[in-house]
Amino acid sequence: MDGVAITDHNTVKGGLKAMKFAREKYPNFKVIPGCEIKSEGLHILALGISSWKNVKNLSRIETVEKIDEFGGVSVIAHPFRKFRKFWREGFNEPIRFNAIETLNGGDSRVSNLKAWMFAKRMKLPGIAGSDAHLREYVGCVYTICNGEVLEDIRKGRVDVGGNILSLSSLTLEKIKRFGICLLSAHKIMIPK
């Protein structure tokens, strides 16, 4: 693992602290500060920002605009968790996110597969997030980049991989029916 993005809820403090620590102790380890913002029932990751102060109660569109203004990358986080009722209502907003989290270490395989199909439909790149609330889960899934991370995400030059932590299962027959065939044991690789 060459780096990590830290996206605490509604604050960038943890990411900035980790970035400072890494620069001093591990200068080749990249830390991308950011935060996870709840906006109208949607969780939006803001990657690569250094501030999220005095920003509250924004609509989804305003949130993405503010992330852009701060020079960050906006990502729809874990879009198909069961409690995301607005997805059942449809998603027809004119918001232009930079990416969708298509592989979340804490989500079910079904949720991740739906996110991957949604990203394909929206013509957006997919990234992975471990959603690690415990240190043992850091890096369980990952996004692969070959250049500058945020630019690679914006341009769709990323791939994802890792271990799924969820106890939910998806049968091989269902995966084949969806056209996904790269499943082995507890690993899932989602093709571009």
Protein backbone atom coordinates (compact mmCIF):
# COMPACT_ATOMS: atom_id res chain seq x y z
CA MET A 1 0.00 0.00 0.00
CA ASP A 2 1.50 3.29 -1.14
CA GLY A 3 -1.04 5.60 0.45
CA VAL A 4 -4.41 6.13 2.02
CA ALA A 5 -7.30 8.59 1.81
CA ILE A 6 -8.75 9.55 5.18
CA THR A 7 -12.33 10.79 5.02
CA ASP A 8 -13.80 11.31 8.47
CA HIS A 9 -17.41 12.45 8.73
CA ASN A 10 -17.71 16.21 8.15
CA THR A 11 -14.10 17.03 9.06
CA VAL A 12 -10.69 16.92 7.43
CA LYS A 13 -8.76 17.08 10.74
CA GLY A 14 -7.86 13.37 10.83
CA GLY A 15 -6.60 13.38 7.27
CA LEU A 16 -4.51 16.52 7.80
CA LYS A 17 -3.02 15.10 11.00
CA ALA A 18 -2.16 11.81 9.26
CA MET A 19 -0.68 13.69 6.27
CA LYS A 20 1.62 15.69 8.58
CA PHE A 21 2.68 12.53 10.42
CA ALA A 22 3.38 10.67 7.16
CA ARG A 23 5.45 13.55 5.76
CA GLU A 24 7.65 13.48 8.87
CA LYS A 25 7.96 9.71 9.39
CA TYR A 26 7.15 8.09 6.03
CA PRO A 27 7.82 10.62 3.26
CA ASN A 28 7.06 8.13 0.46
CA PHE A 29 3.63 7.25 1.89
CA LYS A 30 0.85 9.39 0.40
CA VAL A 31 -2.04 10.58 2.58
CA ILE A 32 -4.99 12.22 0.86
CA PRO A 33 -7.07 14.26 3.29
CA GLY A 34 -10.78 14.57 2.76
CA CYS A 35 -14.11 14.09 4.44
CA GLU A 36 -17.40 12.25 4.08
CA ILE A 37 -20.32 14.63 3.85
CA LYS A 38 -23.97 13.75 4.32
CA SER A 39 -26.17 15.72 1.95
CA GLU A 40 -29.86 15.01 1.47
CA GLY A 41 -29.45 11.35 2.42
CA LEU A 42 -26.41 10.82 0.21
CA HIS A 43 -22.89 10.35 1.49
CA ILE A 44 -20.37 12.22 -0.65
CA LEU A 45 -16.62 11.80 -0.32
CA ALA A 46 -14.54 14.93 -0.81
CA LEU A 47 -11.02 13.74 -1.63
CA GLY A 48 -8.01 16.04 -1.67
CA ILE A 49 -9.44 18.97 0.27
CA SER A 50 -7.78 20.68 3.22
CA SER A 51 -10.81 22.48 4.66
CA TRP A 52 -14.50 21.86 5.26
CA LYS A 53 -15.21 24.52 7.86
CA ASN A 54 -18.49 26.38 8.22
CA VAL A 55 -20.09 24.37 5.43
CA LYS A 56 -23.45 22.99 6.53
CA ASN A 57 -26.85 22.05 5.16
CA LEU A 58 -25.90 22.17 1.50
CA SER A 59 -27.89 20.47 -1.22
CA ARG A 60 -26.16 17.70 -3.18
CA ILE A 61 -25.45 20.09 -6.05
CA GLU A 62 -24.06 22.75 -3.70
CA THR A 63 -21.90 20.13 -1.95
CA VAL A 64 -20.31 18.98 -5.21
CA GLU A 65 -19.81 22.61 -6.30
CA LYS A 66 -18.09 23.38 -2.98
CA ILE A 67 -15.83 20.32 -3.32
CA ASP A 68 -14.90 21.52 -6.83
CA GLU A 69 -14.26 25.02 -5.46
CA PHE A 70 -11.87 23.51 -2.87
CA GLY A 71 -10.03 21.61 -5.63
CA GLY A 72 -11.26 18.21 -4.50
CA VAL A 73 -12.70 15.12 -6.12
CA SER A 74 -16.35 14.27 -5.40
CA VAL A 75 -17.35 10.63 -5.03
CA ILE A 76 -20.73 9.05 -4.29
CA ALA A 77 -19.96 6.78 -1.32
CA HIS A 78 -21.56 3.33 -0.78
CA PRO A 79 -24.60 4.22 -2.87
CA PHE A 80 -26.59 1.00 -2.53
CA ARG A 81 -26.68 0.34 1.19
CA LYS A 82 -30.12 -0.72 2.31
CA PHE A 83 -30.88 2.54 4.11
CA ARG A 84 -30.33 4.67 0.99
CA LYS A 85 -34.04 4.95 0.14
CA PHE A 86 -33.64 7.67 -2.46
CA TRP A 87 -32.02 5.17 -4.85
CA ARG A 88 -35.32 3.33 -4.98
CA GLU A 89 -36.86 6.63 -6.06
CA GLY A 90 -34.37 7.00 -8.91
CA PHE A 91 -31.43 9.28 -9.50
CA ASN A 92 -32.07 11.88 -12.16
CA GLU A 93 -30.10 14.84 -10.85
CA PRO A 94 -27.87 17.00 -13.04
CA ILE A 95 -24.95 16.57 -10.65
CA ARG A 96 -21.60 15.72 -12.16
CA PHE A 97 -19.68 13.70 -9.60
CA ASN A 98 -16.10 12.69 -10.40
CA ALA A 99 -16.55 9.02 -9.42
CA ILE A 100 -18.66 6.42 -7.64
CA GLU A 101 -17.44 4.10 -4.91
CA THR A 102 -18.01 0.77 -6.66
CA LEU A 103 -16.16 -1.41 -4.17
CA ASN A 104 -16.73 -0.80 -0.46
CA GLY A 105 -15.10 -3.17 2.02
CA GLY A 106 -18.11 -3.04 4.34
CA ASP A 107 -20.84 -3.45 1.75
CA SER A 108 -22.36 -6.64 0.39
CA ARG A 109 -21.32 -8.02 -2.95
CA VAL A 110 -24.79 -7.21 -4.27
CA SER A 111 -24.47 -3.56 -3.19
CA ASN A 112 -21.03 -3.32 -4.77
CA LEU A 113 -22.23 -4.92 -7.98
CA LYS A 114 -25.16 -2.48 -8.18
CA ALA A 115 -22.74 0.41 -7.59
CA TRP A 116 -20.49 -0.87 -10.38
CA MET A 117 -23.43 -1.15 -12.79
CA PHE A 118 -24.62 2.32 -11.77
CA ALA A 119 -21.15 3.77 -12.44
CA LYS A 120 -21.15 2.16 -15.88
CA ARG A 121 -24.59 3.60 -16.62
CA MET A 122 -23.48 7.06 -15.46
CA LYS A 123 -20.17 6.73 -17.37
CA LEU A 124 -18.18 7.49 -14.22
CA PRO A 125 -15.06 5.78 -12.91
CA GLY A 126 -15.31 3.50 -9.90
CA ILE A 127 -13.05 3.66 -6.88
CA ALA A 128 -12.68 1.42 -3.83
CA GLY A 129 -12.94 2.39 -0.17
CA SER A 130 -12.31 0.18 2.82
CA ASP A 131 -14.72 2.29 4.93
CA ALA A 132 -12.43 1.27 7.79
CA HIS A 133 -13.78 2.06 11.20
CA LEU A 134 -11.20 -0.36 12.64
CA ARG A 135 -7.51 -0.33 11.72
CA GLU A 136 -7.60 -4.01 10.72
CA TYR A 137 -9.82 -3.09 7.77
CA VAL A 138 -7.55 -0.40 6.32
CA GLY A 139 -6.57 -1.51 2.85
CA CYS A 140 -9.02 -4.42 2.61
CA VAL A 141 -10.06 -2.93 -0.73
CA TYR A 142 -8.06 -0.51 -2.80
CA THR A 143 -7.95 1.78 -5.79
CA ILE A 144 -5.07 1.33 -8.20
CA CYS A 145 -3.60 4.43 -9.84
CA ASN A 146 -0.47 4.84 -11.93
CA GLY A 147 -0.04 8.59 -11.70
CA GLU A 148 -1.30 11.41 -9.54
CA VAL A 149 -4.23 9.91 -7.62
CA LEU A 150 -6.82 12.67 -7.85
CA GLU A 151 -6.11 13.31 -11.53
CA ASP A 152 -6.28 9.57 -12.28
CA ILE A 153 -9.71 9.43 -10.60
CA ARG A 154 -10.95 12.48 -12.53
CA LYS A 155 -9.77 10.96 -15.82
CA GLY A 156 -11.02 7.43 -15.03
CA ARG A 157 -7.53 5.89 -15.05
CA VAL A 158 -8.19 3.71 -12.00
CA ASP A 159 -8.95 0.11 -11.15
CA VAL A 160 -10.19 -1.51 -7.94
CA GLY A 161 -9.59 -4.71 -6.02
CA GLY A 162 -9.47 -6.30 -2.59
CA ASN A 163 -11.32 -8.39 -0.04
CA ILE A 164 -15.00 -7.97 0.75
CA LEU A 165 -15.65 -7.97 4.50
CA SER A 166 -19.40 -8.31 4.41
CA LEU A 167 -21.02 -11.60 5.35
CA SER A 168 -23.48 -11.20 2.51
CA SER A 169 -22.88 -13.52 -0.38
CA LEU A 170 -23.59 -13.55 -4.06
CA THR A 171 -23.72 -16.86 -5.88
CA LEU A 172 -21.51 -17.53 -8.87
CA GLU A 173 -24.62 -18.08 -11.00
CA LYS A 174 -25.87 -14.56 -10.22
CA ILE A 175 -22.46 -13.10 -10.95
CA LYS A 176 -22.31 -14.87 -14.32
CA ARG A 177 -25.81 -13.62 -15.11
CA PHE A 178 -24.59 -10.04 -14.51
CA GLY A 179 -21.54 -10.67 -16.69
CA ILE A 180 -19.04 -10.55 -13.84
CA CYS A 181 -16.75 -13.54 -13.64
CA LEU A 182 -13.71 -12.56 -11.56
CA LEU A 183 -14.76 -13.96 -8.19
CA SER A 184 -12.61 -16.33 -6.17
CA ALA A 185 -13.07 -17.26 -2.54
CA HIS A 186 -13.49 -14.01 -0.60
CA LYS A 187 -12.02 -11.73 -3.23
CA ILE A 188 -13.86 -9.85 -5.89
CA MET A 189 -12.28 -7.90 -8.71
CA ILE A 190 -14.63 -5.66 -10.63
CA PRO A 191 -13.52 -5.13 -14.24
CA LYS A 192 -13.50 -1.69 -15.85
